């Protein structure tokens, strides 16, 4: 039995979970609403403020989906109650970011600024230390947006300039002078 899959998902105060026919799960909370349709072979039940995911047999595909389904439901519950956040740090001389309306403008050492359209359901904030805060209720979308922003200028291995996640360690390489 999956250790993750068999654990029930606690539903906090102010969050409602509704399982519709075809395993369509709707989670509503103070920050918004998320919906997802899961594999109909699994059984999803809501009992006394807990969501329980059960599997009918031990087929390989069903075992793989068991823990994944429970984790996605848990992330939906956390998202509508607390939300998710990723922090990106911009390092480099002259590298900076601004939010103008629904566009993130990044100056990353190119001959032109990089413009990134902020998707629906995502909130981006930039502080004066060039930290970019990506917030939202959908964990997958927050991670995807953060990865897309990081991909414009990933940290390079010689000076460490670029966009990195907060807490990410960059292993710097020795330059040409280290050879002697």
C-alpha atoms as a PDB file:
ATOM      1  CA  UNK A   1       0.000   0.000   0.000  1.00  0.00           C
ATOM      2  CA  UNK A   2       1.226   3.489  -0.829  1.00  0.00           C
ATOM      3  CA  UNK A   3       2.337   5.294   2.312  1.00  0.00           C
ATOM      4  CA  UNK A   4       1.346   8.652   0.820  1.00  0.00           C
ATOM      5  CA  UNK A   5      -1.862   7.398  -0.794  1.00  0.00           C
ATOM      6  CA  UNK A   6      -3.365   5.828   2.298  1.00  0.00           C
ATOM      7  CA  UNK A   7      -3.013   8.978   4.431  1.00  0.00           C
ATOM      8  CA  UNK A   8      -6.241  11.019   4.574  1.00  0.00           C
ATOM      9  CA  UNK A   9      -6.191  14.684   3.523  1.00  0.00           C
ATOM     10  CA  UNK A  10      -7.340  16.951   6.369  1.00  0.00           C
ATOM     11  CA  UNK A  11      -9.801  19.647   5.276  1.00  0.00           C
ATOM     12  CA  UNK A  12      -9.157  22.907   7.199  1.00  0.00           C
ATOM     13  CA  UNK A  13     -11.823  25.333   8.389  1.00  0.00           C
ATOM     14  CA  UNK A  14     -13.358  27.371   5.551  1.00  0.00           C
ATOM     15  CA  UNK A  15     -12.484  24.872   2.788  1.00  0.00           C
ATOM     16  CA  UNK A  16     -15.049  22.676   1.060  1.00  0.00           C
ATOM     17  CA  UNK A  17     -14.258  19.617  -1.055  1.00  0.00           C
ATOM     18  CA  UNK A  18     -16.883  18.249  -3.420  1.00  0.00           C
ATOM     19  CA  UNK A  19     -16.515  15.034  -5.436  1.00  0.00           C
ATOM     20  CA  UNK A  20     -18.716  15.062  -8.542  1.00  0.00           C
ATOM     21  CA  UNK A  21     -19.443  12.081 -10.827  1.00  0.00           C
ATOM     22  CA  UNK A  22     -16.465  10.922 -12.875  1.00  0.00           C
ATOM     23  CA  UNK A  23     -14.042  11.774 -10.030  1.00  0.00           C
ATOM     24  CA  UNK A  24     -14.243  15.504 -10.754  1.00  0.00           C
ATOM     25  CA  UNK A  25     -13.024  17.151  -7.528  1.00  0.00           C
ATOM     26  CA  UNK A  26     -13.892  20.799  -6.756  1.00  0.00           C
ATOM     27  CA  UNK A  27     -12.066  22.473  -3.858  1.00  0.00           C
ATOM     28  CA  UNK A  28     -13.284  25.910  -2.690  1.00  0.00           C
ATOM     29  CA  UNK A  29     -11.593  28.083  -0.091  1.00  0.00           C
ATOM     30  CA  UNK A  30     -10.929  31.675   0.945  1.00  0.00           C
ATOM     31  CA  UNK A  31      -8.292  32.195  -1.802  1.00  0.00           C
ATOM     32  CA  UNK A  32     -10.304  30.725  -4.686  1.00  0.00           C
ATOM     33  CA  UNK A  33     -11.465  27.533  -6.344  1.00  0.00           C
ATOM     34  CA  UNK A  34      -9.576  24.667  -8.005  1.00  0.00           C
ATOM     35  CA  UNK A  35     -10.967  21.788 -10.065  1.00  0.00           C
ATOM     36  CA  UNK A  36      -9.362  18.594 -11.338  1.00  0.00           C
ATOM     37  CA  UNK A  37     -10.645  15.366 -12.876  1.00  0.00           C
ATOM     38  CA  UNK A  38      -8.913  12.227 -11.619  1.00  0.00           C
ATOM     39  CA  UNK A  39      -8.779   8.679 -12.992  1.00  0.00           C
ATOM     40  CA  UNK A  40     -12.231   7.079 -12.577  1.00  0.00           C
ATOM     41  CA  UNK A  41     -10.675   3.766 -11.459  1.00  0.00           C
ATOM     42  CA  UNK A  42      -9.794   5.291  -8.057  1.00  0.00           C
ATOM     43  CA  UNK A  43     -12.371   5.962  -5.345  1.00  0.00           C
ATOM     44  CA  UNK A  44     -12.371   9.427  -3.758  1.00  0.00           C
ATOM     45  CA  UNK A  45     -14.574   9.949  -0.685  1.00  0.00           C
ATOM     46  CA  UNK A  46     -15.143  12.845   1.719  1.00  0.00           C
ATOM     47  CA  UNK A  47     -15.803  11.621   5.282  1.00  0.00           C
ATOM     48  CA  UNK A  48     -15.871  13.757   8.453  1.00  0.00           C
ATOM     49  CA  UNK A  49     -13.552  16.573   7.245  1.00  0.00           C
ATOM     50  CA  UNK A  50     -11.138  14.177   5.518  1.00  0.00           C
ATOM     51  CA  UNK A  51     -10.618  13.194   1.887  1.00  0.00           C
ATOM     52  CA  UNK A  52      -9.798   9.510   1.438  1.00  0.00           C
ATOM     53  CA  UNK A  53      -8.385   8.032  -1.784  1.00  0.00           C
ATOM     54  CA  UNK A  54      -8.758   4.269  -2.226  1.00  0.00           C
ATOM     55  CA  UNK A  55      -7.647   1.962  -5.010  1.00  0.00           C
ATOM     56  CA  UNK A  56      -9.518  -1.141  -6.190  1.00  0.00           C
ATOM     57  CA  UNK A  57      -6.521  -3.399  -6.912  1.00  0.00           C
ATOM     58  CA  UNK A  58      -2.730  -3.567  -7.020  1.00  0.00           C
ATOM     59  CA  UNK A  59      -2.177  -3.029 -10.749  1.00  0.00           C
ATOM     60  CA  UNK A  60       1.000  -1.098 -11.499  1.00  0.00           C
ATOM     61  CA  UNK A  61      -0.778   1.898 -13.061  1.00  0.00           C
ATOM     62  CA  UNK A  62      -3.336   2.125 -10.240  1.00  0.00           C
ATOM     63  CA  UNK A  63      -0.579   1.952  -7.593  1.00  0.00           C
ATOM     64  CA  UNK A  64       1.245   4.791  -9.347  1.00  0.00           C
ATOM     65  CA  UNK A  65      -1.898   6.944  -9.474  1.00  0.00           C
ATOM     66  CA  UNK A  66      -2.851   6.330  -5.823  1.00  0.00           C
ATOM     67  CA  UNK A  67      -0.201   8.493  -4.160  1.00  0.00           C
ATOM     68  CA  UNK A  68      -0.205  11.046  -6.977  1.00  0.00           C
ATOM     69  CA  UNK A  69      -3.959  11.590  -6.681  1.00  0.00           C
ATOM     70  CA  UNK A  70      -3.747  12.084  -2.927  1.00  0.00           C
ATOM     71  CA  UNK A  71      -0.836  14.549  -3.313  1.00  0.00           C
ATOM     72  CA  UNK A  72      -2.682  16.612  -5.932  1.00  0.00           C
ATOM     73  CA  UNK A  73      -5.791  16.822  -3.726  1.00  0.00           C
ATOM     74  CA  UNK A  74      -3.605  17.830  -0.751  1.00  0.00           C
ATOM     75  CA  UNK A  75      -1.959  20.565  -2.856  1.00  0.00           C
ATOM     76  CA  UNK A  76      -5.395  21.806  -3.964  1.00  0.00           C
ATOM     77  CA  UNK A  77      -6.545  22.057  -0.324  1.00  0.00           C
ATOM     78  CA  UNK A  78      -3.353  23.868   0.739  1.00  0.00           C
ATOM     79  CA  UNK A  79      -3.570  26.168  -2.295  1.00  0.00           C
ATOM     80  CA  UNK A  80      -7.097  27.435  -1.656  1.00  0.00           C
ATOM     81  CA  UNK A  81      -6.421  27.906   2.080  1.00  0.00           C
ATOM     82  CA  UNK A  82      -2.818  29.257   2.238  1.00  0.00           C
ATOM     83  CA  UNK A  83      -1.542  29.542  -1.348  1.00  0.00           C
ATOM     84  CA  UNK A  84       1.925  28.819  -2.745  1.00  0.00           C
ATOM     85  CA  UNK A  85       4.959  31.031  -3.277  1.00  0.00           C
ATOM     86  CA  UNK A  86       8.284  30.738  -5.104  1.00  0.00           C
ATOM     87  CA  UNK A  87      10.991  33.367  -4.681  1.00  0.00           C
ATOM     88  CA  UNK A  88      13.516  34.112  -7.431  1.00  0.00           C
ATOM     89  CA  UNK A  89      16.679  36.156  -6.829  1.00  0.00           C
ATOM     90  CA  UNK A  90      18.194  38.242  -9.628  1.00  0.00           C
ATOM     91  CA  UNK A  91      21.996  38.540  -9.343  1.00  0.00           C
ATOM     92  CA  UNK A  92      24.162  40.609 -11.678  1.00  0.00           C
ATOM     93  CA  UNK A  93      25.268  44.156 -12.312  1.00  0.00           C
ATOM     94  CA  UNK A  94      22.418  46.092 -13.929  1.00  0.00           C
ATOM     95  CA  UNK A  95      20.012  43.144 -13.730  1.00  0.00           C
ATOM     96  CA  UNK A  96      16.613  44.272 -12.470  1.00  0.00           C
ATOM     97  CA  UNK A  97      12.884  43.598 -12.742  1.00  0.00           C
ATOM     98  CA  UNK A  98       9.665  45.660 -12.727  1.00  0.00           C
ATOM     99  CA  UNK A  99       5.984  44.802 -12.804  1.00  0.00           C
ATOM    100  CA  UNK A 100       3.954  46.995 -15.156  1.00  0.00           C
ATOM    101  CA  UNK A 101       0.291  46.012 -15.149  1.00  0.00           C
ATOM    102  CA  UNK A 102       0.075  42.364 -16.223  1.00  0.00           C
ATOM    103  CA  UNK A 103       3.653  42.319 -17.592  1.00  0.00           C
ATOM    104  CA  UNK A 104       6.941  41.506 -15.864  1.00  0.00           C
ATOM    105  CA  UNK A 105       9.785  43.516 -17.413  1.00  0.00           C
ATOM    106  CA  UNK A 106      13.242  42.013 -16.909  1.00  0.00           C
ATOM    107  CA  UNK A 107      16.534  43.744 -17.707  1.00  0.00           C
ATOM    108  CA  UNK A 108      19.047  40.874 -17.863  1.00  0.00           C
ATOM    109  CA  UNK A 109      22.036  42.170 -19.798  1.00  0.00           C
ATOM    110  CA  UNK A 110      20.492  41.661 -23.226  1.00  0.00           C
ATOM    111  CA  UNK A 111      20.203  44.489 -25.761  1.00  0.00           C
ATOM    112  CA  UNK A 112      16.455  44.607 -25.033  1.00  0.00           C
ATOM    113  CA  UNK A 113      14.237  44.106 -21.979  1.00  0.00           C
ATOM    114  CA  UNK A 114      12.523  40.718 -21.673  1.00  0.00           C
ATOM    115  CA  UNK A 115       8.741  41.071 -21.332  1.00  0.00           C
ATOM    116  CA  UNK A 116       6.806  38.248 -19.666  1.00  0.00           C
ATOM    117  CA  UNK A 117       2.998  38.248 -19.683  1.00  0.00           C
ATOM    118  CA  UNK A 118       1.765  37.231 -16.214  1.00  0.00           C
ATOM    119  CA  UNK A 119      -0.755  34.373 -16.612  1.00  0.00           C
ATOM    120  CA  UNK A 120      -4.232  34.399 -15.090  1.00  0.00           C
ATOM    121  CA  UNK A 121      -4.297  33.222 -11.450  1.00  0.00           C
ATOM    122  CA  UNK A 122      -0.667  34.214 -10.767  1.00  0.00           C
ATOM    123  CA  UNK A 123       0.469  37.256  -8.821  1.00  0.00           C
ATOM    124  CA  UNK A 124       4.032  38.562  -9.231  1.00  0.00           C
ATOM    125  CA  UNK A 125       5.670  41.100  -6.950  1.00  0.00           C
ATOM    126  CA  UNK A 126       9.199  42.537  -7.079  1.00  0.00           C
ATOM    127  CA  UNK A 127      10.887  44.064  -4.013  1.00  0.00           C
ATOM    128  CA  UNK A 128      13.715  46.579  -4.079  1.00  0.00           C
ATOM    129  CA  UNK A 129      16.375  43.879  -3.571  1.00  0.00           C
ATOM    130  CA  UNK A 130      15.473  42.343  -6.973  1.00  0.00           C
ATOM    131  CA  UNK A 131      13.610  39.404  -5.474  1.00  0.00           C
ATOM    132  CA  UNK A 132      10.690  38.227  -7.607  1.00  0.00           C
ATOM    133  CA  UNK A 133       7.801  36.689  -5.632  1.00  0.00           C
ATOM    134  CA  UNK A 134       5.552  34.363  -7.654  1.00  0.00           C
ATOM    135  CA  UNK A 135       2.304  33.591  -5.805  1.00  0.00           C
ATOM    136  CA  UNK A 136      -0.837  31.637  -6.622  1.00  0.00           C
ATOM    137  CA  UNK A 137      -3.197  28.886  -5.513  1.00  0.00           C
ATOM    138  CA  UNK A 138      -2.178  26.261  -8.117  1.00  0.00           C
ATOM    139  CA  UNK A 139       1.174  24.714  -7.123  1.00  0.00           C
ATOM    140  CA  UNK A 140       1.896  23.415 -10.617  1.00  0.00           C
ATOM    141  CA  UNK A 141       1.229  26.807 -12.230  1.00  0.00           C
ATOM    142  CA  UNK A 142       3.362  28.692  -9.671  1.00  0.00           C
ATOM    143  CA  UNK A 143       6.292  26.326 -10.277  1.00  0.00           C
ATOM    144  CA  UNK A 144       5.863  26.531 -14.068  1.00  0.00           C
ATOM    145  CA  UNK A 145       5.845  30.356 -14.083  1.00  0.00           C
ATOM    146  CA  UNK A 146       8.912  30.480 -11.797  1.00  0.00           C
ATOM    147  CA  UNK A 147      10.747  28.037 -14.081  1.00  0.00           C
ATOM    148  CA  UNK A 148       9.848  30.071 -17.181  1.00  0.00           C
ATOM    149  CA  UNK A 149      11.138  33.295 -15.577  1.00  0.00           C
ATOM    150  CA  UNK A 150      14.349  31.522 -14.466  1.00  0.00           C
ATOM    151  CA  UNK A 151      14.885  30.185 -17.992  1.00  0.00           C
ATOM    152  CA  UNK A 152      15.389  33.719 -19.391  1.00  0.00           C
ATOM    153  CA  UNK A 153      18.826  33.903 -17.696  1.00  0.00           C
ATOM    154  CA  UNK A 154      19.769  30.805 -15.642  1.00  0.00           C
ATOM    155  CA  UNK A 155      22.739  31.316 -13.289  1.00  0.00           C
ATOM    156  CA  UNK A 156      26.057  30.912 -15.070  1.00  0.00           C
ATOM    157  CA  UNK A 157      28.797  28.833 -13.390  1.00  0.00           C
ATOM    158  CA  UNK A 158      31.680  31.352 -13.405  1.00  0.00           C
ATOM    159  CA  UNK A 159      30.313  34.438 -11.640  1.00  0.00           C
ATOM    160  CA  UNK A 160      26.893  33.170 -10.584  1.00  0.00           C
ATOM    161  CA  UNK A 161      25.017  35.920 -12.472  1.00  0.00           C
ATOM    162  CA  UNK A 162      21.442  35.233 -13.504  1.00  0.00           C
ATOM    163  CA  UNK A 163      18.085  34.286 -12.004  1.00  0.00           C
ATOM    164  CA  UNK A 164      18.043  31.618  -9.298  1.00  0.00           C
ATOM    165  CA  UNK A 165      15.570  30.221  -6.789  1.00  0.00           C
ATOM    166  CA  UNK A 166      15.983  31.437  -3.221  1.00  0.00           C
ATOM    167  CA  UNK A 167      18.218  28.946  -1.433  1.00  0.00           C
ATOM    168  CA  UNK A 168      19.550  27.406  -4.666  1.00  0.00           C
ATOM    169  CA  UNK A 169      23.280  26.731  -4.462  1.00  0.00           C
ATOM    170  CA  UNK A 170      25.341  27.428  -7.542  1.00  0.00           C
ATOM    171  CA  UNK A 171      28.660  25.593  -7.659  1.00  0.00           C
ATOM    172  CA  UNK A 172      31.084  28.073  -9.176  1.00  0.00           C
ATOM    173  CA  UNK A 173      33.806  26.847 -11.521  1.00  0.00           C
ATOM    174  CA  UNK A 174      37.383  28.095 -11.323  1.00  0.00           C
ATOM    175  CA  UNK A 175      38.280  30.440 -14.158  1.00  0.00           C
ATOM    176  CA  UNK A 176      41.325  30.471 -16.429  1.00  0.00           C
ATOM    177  CA  UNK A 177      43.634  31.790 -13.712  1.00  0.00           C
ATOM    178  CA  UNK A 178      43.110  28.663 -11.589  1.00  0.00           C
ATOM    179  CA  UNK A 179      45.034  26.587 -14.125  1.00  0.00           C
ATOM    180  CA  UNK A 180      48.483  27.844 -13.030  1.00  0.00           C
END
